[in-house]
Structure formats: C-alpha cells, structure tokens
N, C-alpha and C. Protein backbone atom coordinates (compact mmCIF):
# COMPACT_ATOMS: atom_id res chain seq x y z
N MET A 1 -4.19 13.47 -0.67
CA MET A 1 -4.56 12.12 -1.28
C MET A 1 -5.97 11.81 -0.69
N PRO A 2 -7.02 12.07 -1.32
CA PRO A 2 -8.30 11.71 -0.80
C PRO A 2 -8.53 10.16 -0.67
N GLY A 3 -9.07 9.78 0.42
CA GLY A 3 -9.33 8.32 0.52
C GLY A 3 -8.16 7.45 0.88
N PHE A 4 -7.03 8.08 1.26
CA PHE A 4 -5.82 7.25 1.50
C PHE A 4 -5.33 7.59 2.90
N ILE A 5 -5.11 6.52 3.68
CA ILE A 5 -4.55 6.62 5.00
C ILE A 5 -3.39 5.75 5.13
N LEU A 6 -2.24 6.24 5.58
CA LEU A 6 -1.02 5.55 5.85
C LEU A 6 -0.86 5.31 7.37
N MET A 7 -0.74 4.06 7.72
CA MET A 7 -0.58 3.79 9.20
C MET A 7 0.79 3.22 9.35
N PRO A 8 1.81 4.00 9.48
CA PRO A 8 3.17 3.46 9.58
C PRO A 8 3.48 2.63 10.79
N ASP A 9 2.69 2.85 11.94
CA ASP A 9 2.92 2.11 13.10
C ASP A 9 2.23 0.77 13.22
N ASP A 10 1.49 0.45 12.09
CA ASP A 10 0.70 -0.81 12.06
C ASP A 10 1.67 -2.03 12.16
N PRO A 11 1.58 -2.88 13.18
CA PRO A 11 2.48 -3.97 13.34
C PRO A 11 2.33 -5.03 12.21
N LYS A 12 1.25 -5.03 11.47
CA LYS A 12 1.02 -5.98 10.33
C LYS A 12 1.83 -5.60 9.08
N LEU A 13 2.32 -4.32 9.01
CA LEU A 13 3.09 -3.91 7.84
C LEU A 13 4.39 -4.66 7.79
N PRO A 14 4.85 -5.23 6.68
CA PRO A 14 6.17 -5.80 6.65
C PRO A 14 7.33 -4.89 6.84
N THR A 15 8.38 -5.37 7.39
CA THR A 15 9.57 -4.52 7.62
C THR A 15 10.72 -5.17 6.92
N SER A 16 11.82 -4.58 6.92
CA SER A 16 13.05 -5.15 6.36
C SER A 16 13.46 -6.41 7.07
N GLN A 17 13.07 -6.61 8.33
CA GLN A 17 13.42 -7.81 9.04
C GLN A 17 12.55 -9.03 8.68
N ASP A 18 11.46 -8.78 8.02
CA ASP A 18 10.48 -9.90 7.74
C ASP A 18 11.06 -10.88 6.79
N LYS A 19 11.83 -10.47 5.78
CA LYS A 19 12.25 -11.45 4.82
C LYS A 19 13.54 -12.17 5.21
N GLY A 20 14.25 -11.66 6.13
CA GLY A 20 15.47 -12.33 6.61
C GLY A 20 16.68 -12.01 5.84
N ASP A 21 16.49 -11.42 4.61
CA ASP A 21 17.66 -11.17 3.75
C ASP A 21 18.12 -9.65 3.83
N GLY A 22 17.43 -8.90 4.74
CA GLY A 22 17.80 -7.47 4.92
C GLY A 22 17.01 -6.59 3.95
N LYS A 23 16.25 -7.11 3.00
CA LYS A 23 15.48 -6.38 2.07
C LYS A 23 14.00 -6.38 2.33
N ALA A 24 13.36 -5.19 2.31
CA ALA A 24 11.86 -5.18 2.37
C ALA A 24 11.29 -5.72 1.22
N PRO A 25 10.10 -6.39 1.31
CA PRO A 25 9.45 -7.01 0.09
C PRO A 25 8.82 -5.95 -0.82
N TRP A 26 8.81 -4.70 -0.41
CA TRP A 26 8.31 -3.59 -1.28
C TRP A 26 9.13 -2.37 -0.95
N ARG A 27 9.11 -1.45 -1.80
CA ARG A 27 9.79 -0.03 -1.64
C ARG A 27 8.77 1.00 -1.61
N GLU A 28 9.14 2.09 -1.06
CA GLU A 28 8.19 3.23 -0.88
C GLU A 28 7.85 3.65 -2.27
N LEU A 29 8.75 3.65 -3.24
CA LEU A 29 8.37 4.02 -4.64
C LEU A 29 7.28 3.12 -5.21
N ASP A 30 7.24 1.82 -4.86
CA ASP A 30 6.21 0.94 -5.28
C ASP A 30 4.85 1.39 -4.75
N VAL A 31 4.76 1.80 -3.51
CA VAL A 31 3.59 2.27 -2.88
C VAL A 31 3.12 3.54 -3.57
N GLN A 32 4.07 4.46 -3.79
CA GLN A 32 3.78 5.71 -4.50
C GLN A 32 3.17 5.52 -5.85
N ARG A 33 3.66 4.55 -6.60
CA ARG A 33 3.12 4.19 -7.91
C ARG A 33 1.72 3.70 -7.78
N ALA A 34 1.52 2.85 -6.74
CA ALA A 34 0.12 2.38 -6.66
C ALA A 34 -0.93 3.46 -6.27
N ILE A 35 -0.52 4.41 -5.45
CA ILE A 35 -1.32 5.51 -5.14
C ILE A 35 -1.51 6.42 -6.35
N SER A 36 -0.50 6.61 -7.17
CA SER A 36 -0.57 7.43 -8.29
C SER A 36 -1.56 6.77 -9.35
N ALA A 37 -1.50 5.39 -9.50
CA ALA A 37 -2.36 4.69 -10.38
C ALA A 37 -3.86 4.84 -9.94
N ALA A 38 -4.08 4.77 -8.63
CA ALA A 38 -5.46 4.91 -8.09
C ALA A 38 -5.95 6.29 -8.40
N GLU A 39 -5.13 7.33 -8.17
CA GLU A 39 -5.61 8.69 -8.42
C GLU A 39 -5.83 8.91 -9.91
N LYS A 40 -4.95 8.43 -10.74
CA LYS A 40 -4.99 8.65 -12.23
C LYS A 40 -6.32 7.95 -12.67
N ALA A 41 -6.74 6.83 -12.06
CA ALA A 41 -7.97 6.14 -12.39
C ALA A 41 -9.27 6.90 -11.87
N GLY A 42 -8.97 7.93 -11.13
CA GLY A 42 -10.11 8.74 -10.66
C GLY A 42 -10.79 8.15 -9.36
N LEU A 43 -10.10 7.29 -8.68
CA LEU A 43 -10.64 6.69 -7.48
C LEU A 43 -10.67 7.66 -6.30
N ASN A 44 -11.74 7.65 -5.55
CA ASN A 44 -11.86 8.62 -4.42
C ASN A 44 -11.80 7.86 -3.13
N LEU A 45 -12.43 6.63 -3.10
CA LEU A 45 -12.46 5.86 -1.85
C LEU A 45 -11.66 4.57 -2.12
N TYR A 46 -10.48 4.52 -1.61
CA TYR A 46 -9.61 3.37 -1.79
C TYR A 46 -8.59 3.27 -0.63
N ARG A 47 -7.97 2.17 -0.50
CA ARG A 47 -6.80 1.99 0.32
C ARG A 47 -5.81 1.11 -0.32
N VAL A 48 -4.56 1.29 0.05
CA VAL A 48 -3.47 0.51 -0.48
C VAL A 48 -3.05 -0.48 0.58
N GLU A 49 -3.11 -1.80 0.35
CA GLU A 49 -2.73 -2.78 1.31
C GLU A 49 -1.36 -3.41 0.86
N LEU A 50 -0.51 -3.65 1.88
CA LEU A 50 0.73 -4.29 1.71
C LEU A 50 0.83 -5.54 2.37
N ALA A 51 1.02 -6.66 1.67
CA ALA A 51 1.01 -7.95 2.18
C ALA A 51 2.51 -8.34 2.56
N PRO A 52 2.62 -9.24 3.48
CA PRO A 52 4.02 -9.68 3.92
C PRO A 52 4.83 -10.25 2.70
N ASP A 53 4.09 -10.78 1.71
CA ASP A 53 4.86 -11.42 0.57
C ASP A 53 5.24 -10.43 -0.44
N GLY A 54 4.93 -9.09 -0.25
CA GLY A 54 5.36 -8.06 -1.19
C GLY A 54 4.22 -7.61 -2.08
N THR A 55 3.12 -8.31 -2.03
CA THR A 55 1.83 -7.96 -2.87
C THR A 55 1.39 -6.59 -2.45
N ILE A 56 1.15 -5.76 -3.43
CA ILE A 56 0.59 -4.41 -3.20
C ILE A 56 -0.79 -4.40 -3.85
N SER A 57 -1.87 -4.14 -3.03
CA SER A 57 -3.21 -4.15 -3.54
C SER A 57 -3.90 -2.88 -3.39
N ILE A 58 -4.65 -2.49 -4.38
CA ILE A 58 -5.52 -1.24 -4.18
C ILE A 58 -6.98 -1.81 -3.95
N VAL A 59 -7.49 -1.53 -2.91
CA VAL A 59 -8.83 -1.97 -2.58
C VAL A 59 -9.76 -0.74 -2.67
N VAL A 60 -10.75 -0.96 -3.51
CA VAL A 60 -11.74 0.15 -3.83
C VAL A 60 -13.05 -0.04 -3.16
N ARG A 61 -13.56 0.99 -2.57
CA ARG A 61 -14.87 1.03 -1.95
C ARG A 61 -15.81 1.79 -2.82
N THR A 62 -16.92 1.29 -3.15
CA THR A 62 -17.93 1.96 -3.86
C THR A 62 -18.84 2.64 -2.95
N GLU A 63 -19.26 3.84 -3.32
CA GLU A 63 -20.19 4.59 -2.53
C GLU A 63 -21.52 3.92 -2.48
N SER A 64 -22.21 3.85 -1.37
CA SER A 64 -23.51 3.16 -1.25
C SER A 64 -24.55 4.11 -0.96
C-alpha cells in the first residue's frame, strides 16, 4: 500500500475501552474500505486518520 503507514501502538488511536460500551468506534473493515477507496481513486500520498468519535478521514498530500 504505497503512502500508507499504520501505527498500531499510537496512544491516540481509539480502543474498545474509549467508548465505555465495549465497542470500538470503528472496525478494521471500515479502515480497509477507506484504504481501498484511496487506492481506487489513484492516490499515492495519503494517510488514513481515525478520530476518537469514529470519524475516518483520508488525508491527501499533493506532490510539491
């Protein structure tokens, strides 16, 4: 996956304990879909951000 870095030990990533109901705000399948969408769009320089509220964002960097 060009342009993608997963940092599983990042303390800012939400965990199942963050919501208090035992459920994570996002699933691995959701992240895989975001990555697939970025690659299908032909993006080369991007990252996927996961917010504590469950928001999944694809942040695109343009080549300068």
